[in-house]
Protein backbone atom coordinates (compact mmCIF):
# COMPACT_ATOMS: atom_id res chain seq x y z
CA MET A 1 -43.26 -53.37 51.87
CA VAL A 2 -45.97 -55.03 53.95
CA LEU A 3 -45.72 -58.62 52.69
CA ALA A 4 -43.46 -60.46 50.26
CA ASP A 5 -43.61 -64.17 49.54
CA GLU A 6 -43.52 -66.53 46.57
CA VAL A 7 -47.08 -65.62 45.52
CA ALA A 8 -47.49 -61.90 46.04
CA LEU A 9 -46.09 -58.58 47.13
CA ALA A 10 -48.06 -56.10 49.22
CA PHE A 11 -47.04 -52.50 49.78
CA LEU A 12 -48.51 -49.15 50.72
CA ASP A 13 -50.16 -47.10 47.98
CA ILE A 14 -48.16 -43.88 47.59
CA ARG A 15 -51.41 -41.92 47.25
CA PRO A 16 -53.66 -43.71 49.75
CA VAL A 17 -57.41 -43.29 50.00
CA PHE A 18 -56.80 -43.60 53.75
CA LYS A 19 -53.48 -44.15 55.49
CA GLY A 20 -52.64 -47.84 55.53
CA HIS A 21 -54.10 -48.42 52.01
CA VAL A 22 -52.28 -51.49 50.65
CA LEU A 23 -51.82 -52.75 47.09
CA VAL A 24 -51.47 -56.53 46.71
CA VAL A 25 -49.92 -57.72 43.44
CA PRO A 26 -49.22 -61.24 42.21
CA ARG A 27 -45.55 -61.93 41.47
CA ALA A 28 -46.49 -63.59 38.18
CA HIS A 29 -47.56 -61.01 35.62
CA ALA A 30 -51.27 -60.82 34.87
CA GLU A 31 -52.78 -57.64 33.50
CA THR A 32 -56.28 -58.25 34.88
CA LEU A 33 -58.02 -60.68 37.19
CA ALA A 34 -59.29 -62.53 34.12
CA ASP A 35 -55.67 -63.07 33.03
CA LEU A 36 -54.59 -64.64 36.32
CA PRO A 37 -54.43 -68.44 35.93
CA ALA A 38 -57.24 -70.15 37.86
CA ALA A 39 -54.72 -72.04 40.00
CA ASP A 40 -53.25 -68.71 41.16
CA VAL A 41 -56.52 -67.01 42.13
CA GLY A 42 -56.89 -68.76 45.51
CA PRO A 43 -53.31 -68.19 46.66
CA PHE A 44 -53.45 -64.54 45.54
CA PHE A 45 -56.74 -63.86 47.30
CA SER A 46 -55.58 -65.60 50.46
CA ARG A 47 -52.96 -62.81 50.76
CA VAL A 48 -55.63 -60.16 50.12
CA GLN A 49 -57.87 -61.82 52.72
CA ARG A 50 -55.07 -62.02 55.28
CA ILE A 51 -54.20 -58.33 54.95
CA SER A 52 -57.88 -57.39 55.17
CA ALA A 53 -58.24 -59.52 58.30
CA VAL A 54 -55.39 -57.90 60.23
CA MET A 55 -56.07 -54.33 59.13
CA PRO A 56 -58.63 -53.37 61.82
CA ALA A 57 -56.45 -54.44 64.74
CA ALA A 58 -53.26 -53.11 63.18
CA LEU A 59 -54.63 -49.71 62.20
CA GLY A 60 -57.60 -49.13 64.48
CA SER A 61 -60.09 -49.26 61.60
CA GLN A 62 -63.51 -50.91 61.78
CA GLY A 63 -63.11 -52.87 58.57
CA SER A 64 -61.72 -52.65 55.06
CA PHE A 65 -62.70 -52.07 51.46
CA VAL A 66 -61.26 -54.44 48.84
CA ALA A 67 -61.34 -53.51 45.15
CA ILE A 68 -59.79 -54.42 41.82
CA ASN A 69 -59.98 -52.37 38.64
CA ASN A 70 -59.74 -54.29 35.37
CA LYS A 71 -58.62 -52.01 32.54
CA VAL A 72 -60.89 -49.01 33.31
CA SER A 73 -59.30 -46.90 36.07
CA GLN A 74 -56.41 -49.38 36.27
CA SER A 75 -53.37 -47.12 36.68
CA VAL A 76 -50.81 -49.79 35.74
CA PRO A 77 -51.25 -52.83 33.48
CA HIS A 78 -50.60 -55.36 36.26
CA LEU A 79 -53.28 -56.92 38.45
CA HIS A 80 -53.47 -55.33 41.87
CA ALA A 81 -56.01 -55.45 44.69
CA HIS A 82 -56.63 -52.40 46.86
CA VAL A 83 -57.15 -53.12 50.55
CA VAL A 84 -58.28 -49.89 52.21
CA PRO A 85 -58.92 -49.41 55.94
CA ARG A 86 -62.46 -48.15 56.63
CA THR A 87 -64.20 -46.57 59.59
CA LYS A 88 -67.86 -45.57 59.74
CA GLY A 89 -68.19 -41.90 58.80
CA ASP A 90 -64.78 -41.77 57.07
CA GLY A 91 -66.31 -39.87 54.14
CA LEU A 92 -65.71 -42.44 51.39
CA ARG A 93 -68.73 -42.41 49.09
CA GLY A 94 -69.19 -44.82 46.21
CA PHE A 95 -66.21 -45.00 43.90
CA PHE A 96 -64.94 -41.45 44.44
CA TRP A 97 -61.63 -41.99 46.16
CA PRO A 98 -60.09 -38.75 47.41
CA ARG A 99 -56.38 -39.38 47.82
CA GLN A 100 -54.10 -38.40 50.69
CA LYS A 101 -50.36 -38.24 51.21
CA TYR A 102 -48.24 -39.56 54.04
CA ALA A 103 -46.69 -36.73 56.04
CA SER A 104 -43.26 -38.31 55.53
CA GLU A 105 -41.52 -41.48 54.46
CA ALA A 106 -41.16 -42.26 58.18
CA GLU A 107 -44.93 -42.13 58.65
CA ALA A 108 -45.42 -44.47 55.66
CA GLN A 109 -42.85 -46.87 57.09
CA GLU A 110 -44.64 -46.83 60.44
CA TYR A 111 -47.93 -47.88 58.79
CA ALA A 112 -46.15 -50.63 56.84
CA ALA A 113 -44.44 -51.87 60.03
CA ARG A 114 -47.76 -52.08 61.88
CA LEU A 115 -49.24 -54.19 59.11
CA ARG A 116 -46.12 -56.39 58.85
CA GLU A 117 -46.24 -57.04 62.58
CA ALA A 118 -49.91 -57.96 62.44
CA LEU A 119 -49.19 -60.40 59.59
CA SER A 120 -46.39 -62.16 61.48
């Protein structure tokens, strides 16, 4: 877990594009972005924005990639935003996302801890 509050949860993707890839989900169920009540969009995206903002310093990346799938390529029927650390020359091209695995649960926890610390 990277972030948990009254609006959203954020946690590491178990099959990250790059290590430190975070999924941000609203606590209230919405299947797609279009289903999220308008009053909840700003609070939800402020969490996405905050994680994106701390990612470079926390993980040594140069920036981030933020994406949401609505229906097509959406692996679960609950709105979630991907926040992926990016570095020039990292090999990500277009929407082909080769997935990685964490070497261990301890490594995953270390990435989550770095992001939690940066958010505090």
